[in-house]
Amino acid sequence: MKRGIGTLLFGATAFAGGIIAGLLLTPKSGKENLDWLENQGRKLKKDGEMRIDQVSKGIKKTVKDTFPDLYAATENLDFSEAEEIEEITRHG
């Protein structure tokens, strides 16, 4: 477990260091780099939210398709009062 966390921290640090080095070594000005970085962050956030929304809709659809709507399935069932009483007394 410690090894996995250490690897993750090392990877995140290396990634952040690469971004910082790239921003410092680029021929563009700091303002242009900052604007680009902010735009990329917004785009990444928007794309992530859209993907989460798609996954959520997919899960809802899968659950809805898998489990029938019991209200709709039993809507046309008719029981007489005697049948209802018999069913209740039989099953408690």
C-alpha atoms as a PDB file:
ATOM      1  CA  MET A   1       0.000   0.000   0.000  1.00  0.00           C
ATOM      2  CA  LYS A   2       2.815   2.413   0.917  1.00  0.00           C
ATOM      3  CA  ARG A   3       4.572   1.619  -2.334  1.00  0.00           C
ATOM      4  CA  GLY A   4       1.455   2.501  -4.349  1.00  0.00           C
ATOM      5  CA  ILE A   5       1.006   5.816  -2.555  1.00  0.00           C
ATOM      6  CA  GLY A   6       4.707   6.600  -3.002  1.00  0.00           C
ATOM      7  CA  THR A   7       4.506   5.826  -6.702  1.00  0.00           C
ATOM      8  CA  LEU A   8       1.415   7.999  -7.047  1.00  0.00           C
ATOM      9  CA  LEU A   9       3.090  10.909  -5.219  1.00  0.00           C
ATOM     10  CA  PHE A  10       6.238  10.546  -7.310  1.00  0.00           C
ATOM     11  CA  GLY A  11       4.194  10.491 -10.522  1.00  0.00           C
ATOM     12  CA  ALA A  12       2.138  13.536  -9.521  1.00  0.00           C
ATOM     13  CA  THR A  13       5.287  15.443  -8.532  1.00  0.00           C
ATOM     14  CA  ALA A  14       7.015  14.533 -11.792  1.00  0.00           C
ATOM     15  CA  PHE A  15       3.937  15.599 -13.768  1.00  0.00           C
ATOM     16  CA  ALA A  16       3.708  18.945 -11.947  1.00  0.00           C
ATOM     17  CA  GLY A  17       7.452  19.479 -12.400  1.00  0.00           C
ATOM     18  CA  GLY A  18       7.120  18.825 -16.118  1.00  0.00           C
ATOM     19  CA  ILE A  19       4.294  21.346 -16.424  1.00  0.00           C
ATOM     20  CA  ILE A  20       6.268  23.983 -14.522  1.00  0.00           C
ATOM     21  CA  ALA A  21       9.426  23.338 -16.576  1.00  0.00           C
ATOM     22  CA  GLY A  22       7.414  23.559 -19.777  1.00  0.00           C
ATOM     23  CA  LEU A  23       5.859  26.858 -18.731  1.00  0.00           C
ATOM     24  CA  LEU A  24       9.241  28.312 -17.753  1.00  0.00           C
ATOM     25  CA  LEU A  25      11.021  27.208 -20.917  1.00  0.00           C
ATOM     26  CA  THR A  26       8.377  28.173 -23.450  1.00  0.00           C
ATOM     27  CA  PRO A  27       8.981  31.220 -25.657  1.00  0.00           C
ATOM     28  CA  LYS A  28       5.539  32.646 -24.829  1.00  0.00           C
ATOM     29  CA  SER A  29       4.990  35.206 -22.095  1.00  0.00           C
ATOM     30  CA  GLY A  30       3.831  34.248 -18.634  1.00  0.00           C
ATOM     31  CA  LYS A  31       0.416  35.850 -19.229  1.00  0.00           C
ATOM     32  CA  GLU A  32      -0.138  33.786 -22.379  1.00  0.00           C
ATOM     33  CA  ASN A  33       0.919  30.627 -20.582  1.00  0.00           C
ATOM     34  CA  LEU A  34      -1.349  31.380 -17.642  1.00  0.00           C
ATOM     35  CA  ASP A  35      -4.288  32.049 -19.945  1.00  0.00           C
ATOM     36  CA  TRP A  36      -3.613  28.807 -21.815  1.00  0.00           C
ATOM     37  CA  LEU A  37      -3.348  26.870 -18.561  1.00  0.00           C
ATOM     38  CA  GLU A  38      -6.611  28.340 -17.252  1.00  0.00           C
ATOM     39  CA  ASN A  39      -8.395  27.543 -20.527  1.00  0.00           C
ATOM     40  CA  GLN A  40      -7.104  23.981 -20.473  1.00  0.00           C
ATOM     41  CA  GLY A  41      -8.217  23.613 -16.845  1.00  0.00           C
ATOM     42  CA  ARG A  42     -11.717  24.856 -17.674  1.00  0.00           C
ATOM     43  CA  LYS A  43     -11.904  22.551 -20.689  1.00  0.00           C
ATOM     44  CA  LEU A  44     -10.730  19.570 -18.623  1.00  0.00           C
ATOM     45  CA  LYS A  45     -13.299  20.328 -15.921  1.00  0.00           C
ATOM     46  CA  LYS A  46     -16.106  20.695 -18.477  1.00  0.00           C
ATOM     47  CA  ASP A  47     -15.138  17.462 -20.248  1.00  0.00           C
ATOM     48  CA  GLY A  48     -14.953  15.627 -16.922  1.00  0.00           C
ATOM     49  CA  GLU A  49     -18.374  16.866 -15.837  1.00  0.00           C
ATOM     50  CA  MET A  50     -19.831  15.866 -19.217  1.00  0.00           C
ATOM     51  CA  ARG A  51     -18.353  12.358 -18.951  1.00  0.00           C
ATOM     52  CA  ILE A  52     -19.630  11.947 -15.395  1.00  0.00           C
ATOM     53  CA  ASP A  53     -23.083  13.031 -16.581  1.00  0.00           C
ATOM     54  CA  GLN A  54     -22.978  10.497 -19.441  1.00  0.00           C
ATOM     55  CA  VAL A  55     -21.924   7.692 -17.100  1.00  0.00           C
ATOM     56  CA  SER A  56     -24.668   8.664 -14.652  1.00  0.00           C
ATOM     57  CA  LYS A  57     -27.299   8.627 -17.409  1.00  0.00           C
ATOM     58  CA  GLY A  58     -25.988   5.268 -18.631  1.00  0.00           C
ATOM     59  CA  ILE A  59     -26.256   3.772 -15.149  1.00  0.00           C
ATOM     60  CA  LYS A  60     -29.797   5.117 -14.707  1.00  0.00           C
ATOM     61  CA  LYS A  61     -30.819   3.704 -18.099  1.00  0.00           C
ATOM     62  CA  THR A  62     -29.273   0.323 -17.332  1.00  0.00           C
ATOM     63  CA  VAL A  63     -31.072   0.110 -13.996  1.00  0.00           C
ATOM     64  CA  LYS A  64     -34.345   1.235 -15.564  1.00  0.00           C
ATOM     65  CA  ASP A  65     -34.027  -1.314 -18.377  1.00  0.00           C
ATOM     66  CA  THR A  66     -33.024  -4.115 -16.008  1.00  0.00           C
ATOM     67  CA  PHE A  67     -35.770  -3.707 -13.424  1.00  0.00           C
ATOM     68  CA  PRO A  68     -39.377  -3.505 -14.612  1.00  0.00           C
ATOM     69  CA  ASP A  69     -41.701  -0.759 -13.496  1.00  0.00           C
ATOM     70  CA  LEU A  70     -43.941  -2.703 -11.125  1.00  0.00           C
ATOM     71  CA  TYR A  71     -46.641  -0.044 -11.119  1.00  0.00           C
ATOM     72  CA  ALA A  72     -46.969  -0.221 -14.892  1.00  0.00           C
ATOM     73  CA  ALA A  73     -46.750  -4.024 -14.886  1.00  0.00           C
ATOM     74  CA  THR A  74     -49.585  -4.413 -12.361  1.00  0.00           C
ATOM     75  CA  GLU A  75     -51.741  -1.523 -13.532  1.00  0.00           C
ATOM     76  CA  ASN A  76     -54.278  -3.726 -15.336  1.00  0.00           C
ATOM     77  CA  LEU A  77     -54.588  -6.399 -12.645  1.00  0.00           C
ATOM     78  CA  ASP A  78     -58.025  -6.480 -11.115  1.00  0.00           C
ATOM     79  CA  PHE A  79     -58.873  -8.311  -7.909  1.00  0.00           C
ATOM     80  CA  SER A  80     -62.270  -8.664  -6.362  1.00  0.00           C
ATOM     81  CA  GLU A  81     -62.612  -7.802  -2.714  1.00  0.00           C
ATOM     82  CA  ALA A  82     -62.940 -11.494  -1.853  1.00  0.00           C
ATOM     83  CA  GLU A  83     -59.704 -12.304  -3.718  1.00  0.00           C
ATOM     84  CA  GLU A  84     -57.894  -9.497  -1.919  1.00  0.00           C
ATOM     85  CA  ILE A  85     -59.058 -10.723   1.493  1.00  0.00           C
ATOM     86  CA  GLU A  86     -58.086 -14.300   0.627  1.00  0.00           C
ATOM     87  CA  GLU A  87     -54.609 -13.170  -0.513  1.00  0.00           C
ATOM     88  CA  ILE A  88     -54.062 -11.105   2.626  1.00  0.00           C
ATOM     89  CA  THR A  89     -55.141 -13.895   4.976  1.00  0.00           C
ATOM     90  CA  ARG A  90     -53.057 -16.478   3.123  1.00  0.00           C
ATOM     91  CA  HIS A  91     -49.830 -14.420   3.244  1.00  0.00           C
ATOM     92  CA  GLY A  92     -50.464 -12.472   6.419  1.00  0.00           C
END
